[in-house]
């Protein structure tokens, strides 16, 4: 919407990798005893 156009988006493969990176990063922080709150917004494919 607005200036957010599909051409600026990433591929599904890159998106899946990005989500996994964020989940892994959150895991690393929690395993190190740092309780950061990480949230994913705007794509409920992330729920699955």
ModelCIF file with pLDDT and N, C-alpha, C, O atoms, coordinates in Angstrom:
data_MODEL
#
_entry.id   MODEL 
#
_entity.id                         1 
_entity.type                       polymer 
_entity.pdbx_number_of_molecules   1 
#
_entity_poly.entity_id                      1 
_entity_poly.type                           'polypeptide(L)' 
_entity_poly.nstd_linkage                   no 
_entity_poly.nstd_monomer                   no 
_entity_poly.pdbx_seq_one_letter_code       
;(UNK)(UNK)(UNK)(UNK)(UNK)(UNK)(UNK)(UNK)(UNK)(UNK)(UNK)(UNK)(UNK)(UNK)(UNK)(UNK)
(UNK)(UNK)(UNK)(UNK)(UNK)(UNK)(UNK)(UNK)(UNK)(UNK)(UNK)(UNK)(UNK)(UNK)(UNK)(UNK)
(UNK)(UNK)(UNK)(UNK)(UNK)(UNK)(UNK)(UNK)(UNK)(UNK)(UNK)(UNK)(UNK)(UNK)(UNK)(UNK)
;
_entity_poly.pdbx_seq_one_letter_code_can   XXXXXXXXXXXXXXXXXXXXXXXXXXXXXXXXXXXXXXXXXXXXXXXX 
_entity_poly.pdbx_strand_id                 A 
#
loop_
_entity_poly_seq.entity_id 
_entity_poly_seq.num 
_entity_poly_seq.mon_id 
_entity_poly_seq.hetero 
1 1  UNK n 
1 2  UNK n 
1 3  UNK n 
1 4  UNK n 
1 5  UNK n 
1 6  UNK n 
1 7  UNK n 
1 8  UNK n 
1 9  UNK n 
1 10 UNK n 
1 11 UNK n 
1 12 UNK n 
1 13 UNK n 
1 14 UNK n 
1 15 UNK n 
1 16 UNK n 
1 17 UNK n 
1 18 UNK n 
1 19 UNK n 
1 20 UNK n 
1 21 UNK n 
1 22 UNK n 
1 23 UNK n 
1 24 UNK n 
1 25 UNK n 
1 26 UNK n 
1 27 UNK n 
1 28 UNK n 
1 29 UNK n 
1 30 UNK n 
1 31 UNK n 
1 32 UNK n 
1 33 UNK n 
1 34 UNK n 
1 35 UNK n 
1 36 UNK n 
1 37 UNK n 
1 38 UNK n 
1 39 UNK n 
1 40 UNK n 
1 41 UNK n 
1 42 UNK n 
1 43 UNK n 
1 44 UNK n 
1 45 UNK n 
1 46 UNK n 
1 47 UNK n 
1 48 UNK n 
#
_struct_asym.id          A 
_struct_asym.entity_id   1 
#
loop_
_ma_qa_metric.id 
_ma_qa_metric.mode 
_ma_qa_metric.name 
_ma_qa_metric.software_group_id 
_ma_qa_metric.type 
1 global pLDDT . pLDDT 
2 local  pLDDT . pLDDT 
#
_ma_qa_metric_global.metric_id      1 
_ma_qa_metric_global.metric_value   93.90 
_ma_qa_metric_global.model_id       1 
_ma_qa_metric_global.ordinal_id     1 
#
loop_
_ma_qa_metric_local.label_asym_id 
_ma_qa_metric_local.label_comp_id 
_ma_qa_metric_local.label_seq_id 
_ma_qa_metric_local.metric_id 
_ma_qa_metric_local.metric_value 
_ma_qa_metric_local.model_id 
_ma_qa_metric_local.ordinal_id 
A UNK 1  2 85.00 1 1  
A UNK 2  2 85.00 1 2  
A UNK 3  2 84.00 1 3  
A UNK 4  2 82.00 1 4  
A UNK 5  2 82.00 1 5  
A UNK 6  2 85.00 1 6  
A UNK 7  2 85.00 1 7  
A UNK 8  2 85.00 1 8  
A UNK 9  2 93.00 1 9  
A UNK 10 2 95.00 1 10 
A UNK 11 2 95.00 1 11 
A UNK 12 2 95.00 1 12 
A UNK 13 2 96.00 1 13 
A UNK 14 2 97.00 1 14 
A UNK 15 2 97.00 1 15 
A UNK 16 2 97.00 1 16 
A UNK 17 2 97.00 1 17 
A UNK 18 2 97.00 1 18 
A UNK 19 2 98.00 1 19 
A UNK 20 2 97.00 1 20 
A UNK 21 2 97.00 1 21 
A UNK 22 2 97.00 1 22 
A UNK 23 2 97.00 1 23 
A UNK 24 2 96.00 1 24 
A UNK 25 2 96.00 1 25 
A UNK 26 2 96.00 1 26 
A UNK 27 2 95.00 1 27 
A UNK 28 2 95.00 1 28 
A UNK 29 2 95.00 1 29 
A UNK 30 2 94.00 1 30 
A UNK 31 2 93.00 1 31 
A UNK 32 2 94.00 1 32 
A UNK 33 2 93.00 1 33 
A UNK 34 2 92.00 1 34 
A UNK 35 2 90.00 1 35 
A UNK 36 2 94.00 1 36 
A UNK 37 2 96.00 1 37 
A UNK 38 2 96.00 1 38 
A UNK 39 2 97.00 1 39 
A UNK 40 2 98.00 1 40 
A UNK 41 2 97.00 1 41 
A UNK 42 2 96.00 1 42 
A UNK 43 2 97.00 1 43 
A UNK 44 2 98.00 1 44 
A UNK 45 2 97.00 1 45 
A UNK 46 2 98.00 1 46 
A UNK 47 2 98.00 1 47 
A UNK 48 2 98.00 1 48 
#
loop_
_atom_site.group_PDB 
_atom_site.id 
_atom_site.type_symbol 
_atom_site.label_atom_id 
_atom_site.label_alt_id 
_atom_site.label_comp_id 
_atom_site.label_asym_id 
_atom_site.label_entity_id 
_atom_site.label_seq_id 
_atom_site.pdbx_PDB_ins_code 
_atom_site.Cartn_x 
_atom_site.Cartn_y 
_atom_site.Cartn_z 
_atom_site.occupancy 
_atom_site.B_iso_or_equiv 
_atom_site.pdbx_formal_charge 
_atom_site.auth_seq_id 
_atom_site.auth_comp_id 
_atom_site.auth_asym_id 
_atom_site.auth_atom_id 
_atom_site.pdbx_PDB_model_num 
ATOM 1   N N  . UNK A 1 1  ? 0.844  -1.183  0.000  1.00 85.00 ? 1  UNK A N  1 
ATOM 2   C CA . UNK A 1 1  ? 0.000  0.000   0.000  1.00 85.00 ? 1  UNK A CA 1 
ATOM 3   C C  . UNK A 1 1  ? 0.878  1.231   0.000  1.00 85.00 ? 1  UNK A C  1 
ATOM 4   O O  . UNK A 1 1  ? 2.014  1.176   0.471  1.00 85.00 ? 1  UNK A O  1 
ATOM 5   N N  . UNK A 1 2  ? 0.373  2.355   -0.525 1.00 85.00 ? 2  UNK A N  1 
ATOM 6   C CA . UNK A 1 2  ? 1.177  3.558   -0.578 1.00 85.00 ? 2  UNK A CA 1 
ATOM 7   C C  . UNK A 1 2  ? 2.449  3.315   -1.372 1.00 85.00 ? 2  UNK A C  1 
ATOM 8   O O  . UNK A 1 2  ? 2.409  2.901   -2.531 1.00 85.00 ? 2  UNK A O  1 
ATOM 9   N N  . UNK A 1 3  ? 3.605  3.587   -0.715 1.00 84.00 ? 3  UNK A N  1 
ATOM 10  C CA . UNK A 1 3  ? 4.888  3.339   -1.375 1.00 84.00 ? 3  UNK A CA 1 
ATOM 11  C C  . UNK A 1 3  ? 5.416  1.925   -1.122 1.00 84.00 ? 3  UNK A C  1 
ATOM 12  O O  . UNK A 1 3  ? 6.484  1.564   -1.616 1.00 84.00 ? 3  UNK A O  1 
ATOM 13  N N  . UNK A 1 4  ? 4.683  1.136   -0.364 1.00 82.00 ? 4  UNK A N  1 
ATOM 14  C CA . UNK A 1 4  ? 5.073  -0.253  -0.128 1.00 82.00 ? 4  UNK A CA 1 
ATOM 15  C C  . UNK A 1 4  ? 4.577  -1.124  -1.266 1.00 82.00 ? 4  UNK A C  1 
ATOM 16  O O  . UNK A 1 4  ? 3.433  -1.578  -1.245 1.00 82.00 ? 4  UNK A O  1 
ATOM 17  N N  . UNK A 1 5  ? 5.417  -1.360  -2.255 1.00 82.00 ? 5  UNK A N  1 
ATOM 18  C CA . UNK A 1 5  ? 5.002  -2.056  -3.473 1.00 82.00 ? 5  UNK A CA 1 
ATOM 19  C C  . UNK A 1 5  ? 5.662  -3.429  -3.541 1.00 82.00 ? 5  UNK A C  1 
ATOM 20  O O  . UNK A 1 5  ? 6.723  -3.636  -2.954 1.00 82.00 ? 5  UNK A O  1 
ATOM 21  N N  . UNK A 1 6  ? 5.038  -4.372  -4.257 1.00 85.00 ? 6  UNK A N  1 
ATOM 22  C CA . UNK A 1 6  ? 5.580  -5.731  -4.326 1.00 85.00 ? 6  UNK A CA 1 
ATOM 23  C C  . UNK A 1 6  ? 7.017  -5.805  -4.824 1.00 85.00 ? 6  UNK A C  1 
ATOM 24  O O  . UNK A 1 6  ? 7.756  -6.707  -4.429 1.00 85.00 ? 6  UNK A O  1 
ATOM 25  N N  . UNK A 1 7  ? 7.429  -4.877  -5.683 1.00 85.00 ? 7  UNK A N  1 
ATOM 26  C CA . UNK A 1 7  ? 8.784  -4.930  -6.240 1.00 85.00 ? 7  UNK A CA 1 
ATOM 27  C C  . UNK A 1 7  ? 9.861  -4.794  -5.164 1.00 85.00 ? 7  UNK A C  1 
ATOM 28  O O  . UNK A 1 7  ? 10.999 -5.215  -5.372 1.00 85.00 ? 7  UNK A O  1 
ATOM 29  N N  . UNK A 1 8  ? 9.511  -4.207  -4.013 1.00 85.00 ? 8  UNK A N  1 
ATOM 30  C CA . UNK A 1 8  ? 10.479 -4.040  -2.924 1.00 85.00 ? 8  UNK A CA 1 
ATOM 31  C C  . UNK A 1 8  ? 10.530 -5.250  -2.008 1.00 85.00 ? 8  UNK A C  1 
ATOM 32  O O  . UNK A 1 8  ? 11.317 -5.286  -1.063 1.00 85.00 ? 8  UNK A O  1 
ATOM 33  N N  . UNK A 1 9  ? 9.693  -6.240  -2.285 1.00 93.00 ? 9  UNK A N  1 
ATOM 34  C CA . UNK A 1 9  ? 9.563  -7.377  -1.378 1.00 93.00 ? 9  UNK A CA 1 
ATOM 35  C C  . UNK A 1 9  ? 10.636 -8.421  -1.652 1.00 93.00 ? 9  UNK A C  1 
ATOM 36  O O  . UNK A 1 9  ? 11.359 -8.355  -2.647 1.00 93.00 ? 9  UNK A O  1 
ATOM 37  N N  . UNK A 1 10 ? 10.719 -9.388  -0.738 1.00 95.00 ? 10 UNK A N  1 
ATOM 38  C CA . UNK A 1 10 ? 11.679 -10.486 -0.870 1.00 95.00 ? 10 UNK A CA 1 
ATOM 39  C C  . UNK A 1 10 ? 10.960 -11.742 -1.349 1.00 95.00 ? 10 UNK A C  1 
ATOM 40  O O  . UNK A 1 10 ? 9.733  -11.818 -1.300 1.00 95.00 ? 10 UNK A O  1 
ATOM 41  N N  . UNK A 1 11 ? 11.721 -12.716 -1.807 1.00 95.00 ? 11 UNK A N  1 
ATOM 42  C CA . UNK A 1 11 ? 11.137 -13.962 -2.295 1.00 95.00 ? 11 UNK A CA 1 
ATOM 43  C C  . UNK A 1 11 ? 10.646 -14.808 -1.123 1.00 95.00 ? 11 UNK A C  1 
ATOM 44  O O  . UNK A 1 11 ? 11.090 -14.611 0.009  1.00 95.00 ? 11 UNK A O  1 
ATOM 45  N N  . UNK A 1 12 ? 9.735  -15.746 -1.381 1.00 95.00 ? 12 UNK A N  1 
ATOM 46  C CA . UNK A 1 12 ? 9.303  -16.647 -0.301 1.00 95.00 ? 12 UNK A CA 1 
ATOM 47  C C  . UNK A 1 12 ? 10.468 -17.395 0.342  1.00 95.00 ? 12 UNK A C  1 
ATOM 48  O O  . UNK A 1 12 ? 10.464 -17.618 1.553  1.00 95.00 ? 12 UNK A O  1 
ATOM 49  N N  . UNK A 1 13 ? 11.450 -17.780 -0.444 1.00 96.00 ? 13 UNK A N  1 
ATOM 50  C CA . UNK A 1 13 ? 12.594 -18.511 0.108  1.00 96.00 ? 13 UNK A CA 1 
ATOM 51  C C  . UNK A 1 13 ? 13.397 -17.620 1.053  1.00 96.00 ? 13 UNK A C  1 
ATOM 52  O O  . UNK A 1 13 ? 13.804 -18.059 2.129  1.00 96.00 ? 13 UNK A O  1 
ATOM 53  N N  . UNK A 1 14 ? 13.625 -16.369 0.649  1.00 97.00 ? 14 UNK A N  1 
ATOM 54  C CA . UNK A 1 14 ? 14.349 -15.431 1.509  1.00 97.00 ? 14 UNK A CA 1 
ATOM 55  C C  . UNK A 1 14 ? 13.539 -15.118 2.760  1.00 97.00 ? 14 UNK A C  1 
ATOM 56  O O  . UNK A 1 14 ? 14.103 -14.952 3.841  1.00 97.00 ? 14 UNK A O  1 
ATOM 57  N N  . UNK A 1 15 ? 12.223 -15.036 2.616  1.00 97.00 ? 15 UNK A N  1 
ATOM 58  C CA . UNK A 1 15 ? 11.359 -14.749 3.769  1.00 97.00 ? 15 UNK A CA 1 
ATOM 59  C C  . UNK A 1 15 ? 11.425 -15.885 4.788  1.00 97.00 ? 15 UNK A C  1 
ATOM 60  O O  . UNK A 1 15 ? 11.551 -15.641 5.988  1.00 97.00 ? 15 UNK A O  1 
ATOM 61  N N  . UNK A 1 16 ? 11.341 -17.099 4.318  1.00 97.00 ? 16 UNK A N  1 
ATOM 62  C CA . UNK A 1 16 ? 11.411 -18.236 5.235  1.00 97.00 ? 16 UNK A CA 1 
ATOM 63  C C  . UNK A 1 16 ? 12.750 -18.241 5.969  1.00 97.00 ? 16 UNK A C  1 
ATOM 64  O O  . UNK A 1 16 ? 12.809 -18.484 7.174  1.00 97.00 ? 16 UNK A O  1 
ATOM 65  N N  . UNK A 1 17 ? 13.818 -17.970 5.229  1.00 97.00 ? 17 UNK A N  1 
ATOM 66  C CA . UNK A 1 17 ? 15.136 -17.907 5.852  1.00 97.00 ? 17 UNK A CA 1 
ATOM 67  C C  . UNK A 1 17 ? 15.202 -16.783 6.884  1.00 97.00 ? 17 UNK A C  1 
ATOM 68  O O  . UNK A 1 17 ? 15.788 -16.957 7.952  1.00 97.00 ? 17 UNK A O  1 
ATOM 69  N N  . UNK A 1 18 ? 14.602 -15.630 6.570  1.00 97.00 ? 18 UNK A N  1 
ATOM 70  C CA . UNK A 1 18 ? 14.625 -14.497 7.504  1.00 97.00 ? 18 UNK A CA 1 
ATOM 71  C C  . UNK A 1 18 ? 13.879 -14.825 8.792  1.00 97.00 ? 18 UNK A C  1 
ATOM 72  O O  . UNK A 1 18 ? 14.346 -14.504 9.885  1.00 97.00 ? 18 UNK A O  1 
ATOM 73  N N  . UNK A 1 19 ? 12.715 -15.468 8.659  1.00 98.00 ? 19 UNK A N  1 
ATOM 74  C CA . UNK A 1 19 ? 11.950 -15.838 9.849  1.00 98.00 ? 19 UNK A CA 1 
ATOM 75  C C  . UNK A 1 19 ? 12.739 -16.840 10.688 1.00 98.00 ? 19 UNK A C  1 
ATOM 76  O O  . UNK A 1 19 ? 12.792 -16.721 11.912 1.00 98.00 ? 19 UNK A O  1 
ATOM 77  N N  . UNK A 1 20 ? 13.351 -17.824 10.035 1.00 97.00 ? 20 UNK A N  1 
ATOM 78  C CA . UNK A 1 20 ? 14.141 -18.799 10.787 1.00 97.00 ? 20 UNK A CA 1 
ATOM 79  C C  . UNK A 1 20 ? 15.316 -18.118 11.495 1.00 97.00 ? 20 UNK A C  1 
ATOM 80  O O  . UNK A 1 20 ? 15.634 -18.462 12.634 1.00 97.00 ? 20 UNK A O  1 
ATOM 81  N N  . UNK A 1 21 ? 15.953 -17.167 10.836 1.00 97.00 ? 21 UNK A N  1 
ATOM 82  C CA . UNK A 1 21 ? 17.046 -16.433 11.477 1.00 97.00 ? 21 UNK A CA 1 
ATOM 83  C C  . UNK A 1 21 ? 16.577 -15.707 12.730 1.00 97.00 ? 21 UNK A C  1 
ATOM 84  O O  . UNK A 1 21 ? 17.268 -15.705 13.749 1.00 97.00 ? 21 UNK A O  1 
ATOM 85  N N  . UNK A 1 22 ? 15.399 -15.089 12.652 1.00 97.00 ? 22 UNK A N  1 
ATOM 86  C CA . UNK A 1 22 ? 14.880 -14.366 13.812 1.00 97.00 ? 22 UNK A CA 1 
ATOM 87  C C  . UNK A 1 22 ? 14.512 -15.316 14.948 1.00 97.00 ? 22 UNK A C  1 
ATOM 88  O O  . UNK A 1 22 ? 14.751 -15.015 16.118 1.00 97.00 ? 22 UNK A O  1 
ATOM 89  N N  . UNK A 1 23 ? 13.935 -16.455 14.603 1.00 97.00 ? 23 UNK A N  1 
ATOM 90  C CA . UNK A 1 23 ? 13.592 -17.430 15.637 1.00 97.00 ? 23 UNK A CA 1 
ATOM 91  C C  . UNK A 1 23 ? 14.866 -17.983 16.283 1.00 97.00 ? 23 UNK A C  1 
ATOM 92  O O  . UNK A 1 23 ? 14.939 -18.130 17.503 1.00 97.00 ? 23 UNK A O  1 
ATOM 93  N N  . UNK A 1 24 ? 15.853 -18.282 15.464 1.00 96.00 ? 24 UNK A N  1 
ATOM 94  C CA . UNK A 1 24 ? 17.133 -18.767 16.004 1.00 96.00 ? 24 UNK A CA 1 
ATOM 95  C C  . UNK A 1 24 ? 17.804 -17.718 16.882 1.00 96.00 ? 24 UNK A C  1 
ATOM 96  O O  . UNK A 1 24 ? 18.371 -18.040 17.926 1.00 96.00 ? 24 UNK A O  1 
ATOM 97  N N  . UNK A 1 25 ? 17.734 -16.445 16.447 1.00 96.00 ? 25 UNK A N  1 
ATOM 98  C CA . UNK A 1 25 ? 18.328 -15.367 17.235 1.00 96.00 ? 25 UNK A CA 1 
ATOM 99  C C  . UNK A 1 25 ? 17.639 -15.245 18.591 1.00 96.00 ? 25 UNK A C  1 
ATOM 100 O O  . UNK A 1 25 ? 18.298 -15.083 19.618 1.00 96.00 ? 25 UNK A O  1 
ATOM 101 N N  . UNK A 1 26 ? 16.321 -15.322 18.585 1.00 96.00 ? 26 UNK A N  1 
ATOM 102 C CA . UNK A 1 26 ? 15.575 -15.270 19.844 1.00 96.00 ? 26 UNK A CA 1 
ATOM 103 C C  . UNK A 1 26 ? 15.978 -16.424 20.748 1.00 96.00 ? 26 UNK A C  1 
ATOM 104 O O  . UNK A 1 26 ? 16.154 -16.250 21.954 1.00 96.00 ? 26 UNK A O  1 
ATOM 105 N N  . UNK A 1 27 ? 16.120 -17.592 20.162 1.00 95.00 ? 27 UNK A N  1 
ATOM 106 C CA . UNK A 1 27 ? 16.526 -18.770 20.938 1.00 95.00 ? 27 UNK A CA 1 
ATOM 107 C C  . UNK A 1 27 ? 17.903 -18.562 21.566 1.00 95.00 ? 27 UNK A C  1 
ATOM 108 O O  . UNK A 1 27 ? 18.117 -18.897 22.731 1.00 95.00 ? 27 UNK A O  1 
ATOM 109 N N  . UNK A 1 28 ? 18.838 -18.008 20.786 1.00 95.00 ? 28 UNK A N  1 
ATOM 110 C CA . UNK A 1 28 ? 20.178 -17.761 21.315 1.00 95.00 ? 28 UNK A CA 1 
ATOM 111 C C  . UNK A 1 28 ? 20.149 -16.804 22.501 1.00 95.00 ? 28 UNK A C  1 
ATOM 112 O O  . UNK A 1 28 ? 20.821 -17.030 23.507 1.00 95.00 ? 28 UNK A O  1 
ATOM 113 N N  . UNK A 1 29 ? 19.378 -15.749 22.379 1.00 95.00 ? 29 UNK A N  1 
ATOM 114 C CA . UNK A 1 29 ? 19.285 -14.782 23.484 1.00 95.00 ? 29 UNK A CA 1 
ATOM 115 C C  . UNK A 1 29 ? 18.695 -15.431 24.731 1.00 95.00 ? 29 UNK A C  1 
ATOM 116 O O  . UNK A 1 29 ? 19.209 -15.239 25.833 1.00 95.00 ? 29 UNK A O  1 
ATOM 117 N N  . UNK A 1 30 ? 17.625 -16.194 24.566 1.00 94.00 ? 30 UNK A N  1 
ATOM 118 C CA . UNK A 1 30 ? 16.982 -16.813 25.724 1.00 94.00 ? 30 UNK A CA 1 
ATOM 119 C C  . UNK A 1 30 ? 17.886 -17.867 26.364 1.00 94.00 ? 30 UNK A C  1 
ATOM 120 O O  . UNK A 1 30 ? 17.936 -17.987 27.588 1.00 94.00 ? 30 UNK A O  1 
ATOM 121 N N  . UNK A 1 31 ? 18.590 -18.620 25.544 1.00 93.00 ? 31 UNK A N  1 
ATOM 122 C CA . UNK A 1 31 ? 19.501 -19.620 26.107 1.00 93.00 ? 31 UNK A CA 1 
ATOM 123 C C  . UNK A 1 31 ? 20.671 -18.974 26.831 1.00 93.00 ? 31 UNK A C  1 
ATOM 124 O O  . UNK A 1 31 ? 21.289 -19.593 27.698 1.00 93.00 ? 31 UNK A O  1 
ATOM 125 N N  . UNK A 1 32 ? 20.981 -17.710 26.471 1.00 94.00 ? 32 UNK A N  1 
ATOM 126 C CA . UNK A 1 32 ? 22.031 -16.963 27.169 1.00 94.00 ? 32 UNK A CA 1 
ATOM 127 C C  . UNK A 1 32 ? 21.498 -16.186 28.369 1.00 94.00 ? 32 UNK A C  1 
ATOM 128 O O  . UNK A 1 32 ? 22.240 -15.449 29.018 1.00 94.00 ? 32 UNK A O  1 
ATOM 129 N N  . UNK A 1 33 ? 20.198 -16.357 28.664 1.00 93.00 ? 33 UNK A N  1 
ATOM 130 C CA . UNK A 1 33 ? 19.605 -15.709 29.829 1.00 93.00 ? 33 UNK A CA 1 
ATOM 131 C C  . UNK A 1 33 ? 19.105 -14.302 29.591 1.00 93.00 ? 33 UNK A C  1 
ATOM 132 O O  . UNK A 1 33 ? 18.772 -13.604 30.549 1.00 93.00 ? 33 UNK A O  1 
ATOM 133 N N  . UNK A 1 34 ? 19.041 -13.858 28.334 1.00 92.00 ? 34 UNK A N  1 
ATOM 134 C CA . UNK A 1 34 ? 18.535 -12.524 28.014 1.00 92.00 ? 34 UNK A CA 1 
ATOM 135 C C  . UNK A 1 34 ? 17.144 -12.669 27.414 1.00 92.00 ? 34 UNK A C  1 
ATOM 136 O O  . UNK A 1 34 ? 16.994 -13.168 26.299 1.00 92.00 ? 34 UNK A O  1 
ATOM 137 N N  . UNK A 1 35 ? 16.131 -12.237 28.147 1.00 90.00 ? 35 UNK A N  1 
ATOM 138 C CA . UNK A 1 35 ? 14.746 -12.475 27.758 1.00 90.00 ? 35 UNK A CA 1 
ATOM 139 C C  . UNK A 1 35 ? 14.219 -11.346 26.882 1.00 90.00 ? 35 UNK A C  1 
ATOM 140 O O  . UNK A 1 35 ? 13.424 -10.519 27.326 1.00 90.00 ? 35 UNK A O  1 
ATOM 141 N N  . UNK A 1 36 ? 14.671 -11.324 25.636 1.00 94.00 ? 36 UNK A N  1 
ATOM 142 C CA . UNK A 1 36 ? 14.120 -10.348 24.710 1.00 94.00 ? 36 UNK A CA 1 
ATOM 143 C C  . UNK A 1 36 ? 12.764 -10.841 24.214 1.00 94.00 ? 36 UNK A C  1 
ATOM 144 O O  . UNK A 1 36 ? 12.508 -12.043 24.145 1.00 94.00 ? 36 UNK A O  1 
ATOM 145 N N  . UNK A 1 37 ? 11.900 -9.879  23.868 1.00 96.00 ? 37 UNK A N  1 
ATOM 146 C CA . UNK A 1 37 ? 10.594 -10.193 23.302 1.00 96.00 ? 37 UNK A CA 1 
ATOM 147 C C  . UNK A 1 37 ? 10.667 -9.947  21.799 1.00 96.00 ? 37 UNK A C  1 
ATOM 148 O O  . UNK A 1 37 ? 10.932 -8.826  21.365 1.00 96.00 ? 37 UNK A O  1 
ATOM 149 N N  . UNK A 1 38 ? 10.437 -10.979 21.011 1.00 96.00 ? 38 UNK A N  1 
ATOM 150 C CA . UNK A 1 38 ? 10.491 -10.884 19.553 1.00 96.00 ? 38 UNK A CA 1 
ATOM 151 C C  . UNK A 1 38 ? 9.123  -11.217 18.986 1.00 96.00 ? 38 UNK A C  1 
ATOM 152 O O  . UNK A 1 38 ? 8.530  -12.240 19.326 1.00 96.00 ? 38 UNK A O  1 
ATOM 153 N N  . UNK A 1 39 ? 8.624  -10.334 18.109 1.00 97.00 ? 39 UNK A N  1 
ATOM 154 C CA . UNK A 1 39 ? 7.305  -10.534 17.521 1.00 97.00 ? 39 UNK A CA 1 
ATOM 155 C C  . UNK A 1 39 ? 7.379  -10.437 16.006 1.00 97.00 ? 39 UNK A C  1 
ATOM 156 O O  . UNK A 1 39 ? 8.146  -9.644  15.460 1.00 97.00 ? 39 UNK A O  1 
ATOM 157 N N  . UNK A 1 40 ? 6.572  -11.254 15.333 1.00 98.00 ? 40 UNK A N  1 
ATOM 158 C CA . UNK A 1 40 ? 6.433  -11.229 13.887 1.00 98.00 ? 40 UNK A CA 1 
ATOM 159 C C  . UNK A 1 40 ? 5.066  -10.647 13.554 1.00 98.00 ? 40 UNK A C  1 
ATOM 160 O O  . UNK A 1 40 ? 4.064  -11.028 14.160 1.00 98.00 ? 40 UNK A O  1 
ATOM 161 N N  . UNK A 1 41 ? 5.020  -9.725  12.593 1.00 97.00 ? 41 UNK A N  1 
ATOM 162 C CA . UNK A 1 41 ? 3.799  -8.963  12.332 1.00 97.00 ? 41 UNK A CA 1 
ATOM 163 C C  . UNK A 1 41 ? 3.507  -8.923  10.836 1.00 97.00 ? 41 UNK A C  1 
ATOM 164 O O  . UNK A 1 41 ? 4.392  -8.654  10.024 1.00 97.00 ? 41 UNK A O  1 
ATOM 165 N N  . UNK A 1 42 ? 2.251  -9.194  10.487 1.00 96.00 ? 42 UNK A N  1 
ATOM 166 C CA . UNK A 1 42 ? 1.801  -8.918  9.137  1.00 96.00 ? 42 UNK A CA 1 
ATOM 167 C C  . UNK A 1 42 ? 1.772  -10.088 8.181  1.00 96.00 ? 42 UNK A C  1 
ATOM 168 O O  . UNK A 1 42 ? 1.462  -9.903  7.004  1.00 96.00 ? 42 UNK A O  1 
ATOM 169 N N  . UNK A 1 43 ? 2.091  -11.314 8.653  1.00 97.00 ? 43 UNK A N  1 
ATOM 170 C CA . UNK A 1 43 ? 2.015  -12.485 7.773  1.00 97.00 ? 43 UNK A CA 1 
ATOM 171 C C  . UNK A 1 43 ? 1.777  -13.716 8.637  1.00 97.00 ? 43 UNK A C  1 
ATOM 172 O O  . UNK A 1 43 ? 2.703  -14.227 9.267  1.00 97.00 ? 43 UNK A O  1 
ATOM 173 N N  . UNK A 1 44 ? 0.533  -14.190 8.664  1.00 98.00 ? 44 UNK A N  1 
ATOM 174 C CA . UNK A 1 44 ? 0.202  -15.306 9.548  1.00 98.00 ? 44 UNK A CA 1 
ATOM 175 C C  . UNK A 1 44 ? 0.630  -16.657 9.005  1.00 98.00 ? 44 UNK A C  1 
ATOM 176 O O  . UNK A 1 44 ? 0.347  -17.684 9.622  1.00 98.00 ? 44 UNK A O  1 
ATOM 177 N N  . UNK A 1 45 ? 1.303  -16.678 7.868  1.00 97.00 ? 45 UNK A N  1 
ATOM 178 C CA . UNK A 1 45 ? 2.059  -17.870 7.494  1.00 97.00 ? 45 UNK A CA 1 
ATOM 179 C C  . UNK A 1 45 ? 3.087  -18.177 8.583  1.00 97.00 ? 45 UNK A C  1 
ATOM 180 O O  . UNK A 1 45 ? 3.456  -19.332 8.793  1.00 97.00 ? 45 UNK A O  1 
ATOM 181 N N  . UNK A 1 46 ? 3.546  -17.126 9.277  1.00 98.00 ? 46 UNK A N  1 
ATOM 182 C CA . UNK A 1 46 ? 4.505  -17.308 10.371 1.00 98.00 ? 46 UNK A CA 1 
ATOM 183 C C  . UNK A 1 46 ? 3.945  -18.202 11.475 1.00 98.00 ? 46 UNK A C  1 
ATOM 184 O O  . UNK A 1 46 ? 4.703  -18.918 12.129 1.00 98.00 ? 46 UNK A O  1 
ATOM 185 N N  . UNK A 1 47 ? 2.636  -18.169 11.689 1.00 98.00 ? 47 UNK A N  1 
ATOM 186 C CA . UNK A 1 47 ? 2.031  -19.016 12.716 1.00 98.00 ? 47 UNK A CA 1 
ATOM 187 C C  . UNK A 1 47 ? 2.269  -20.491 12.392 1.00 98.00 ? 47 UNK A C  1 
ATOM 188 O O  . UNK A 1 47 ? 2.670  -21.276 13.250 1.00 98.00 ? 47 UNK A O  1 
ATOM 189 N N  . UNK A 1 48 ? 2.015  -20.842 11.141 1.00 98.00 ? 48 UNK A N  1 
ATOM 190 C CA . UNK A 1 48 ? 2.253  -22.230 10.721 1.00 98.00 ? 48 UNK A CA 1 
ATOM 191 C C  . UNK A 1 48 ? 3.725  -22.586 10.845 1.00 98.00 ? 48 UNK A C  1 
ATOM 192 O O  . UNK A 1 48 ? 4.115  -23.712 10.537 1.00 98.00 ? 48 UNK A O  1 
#
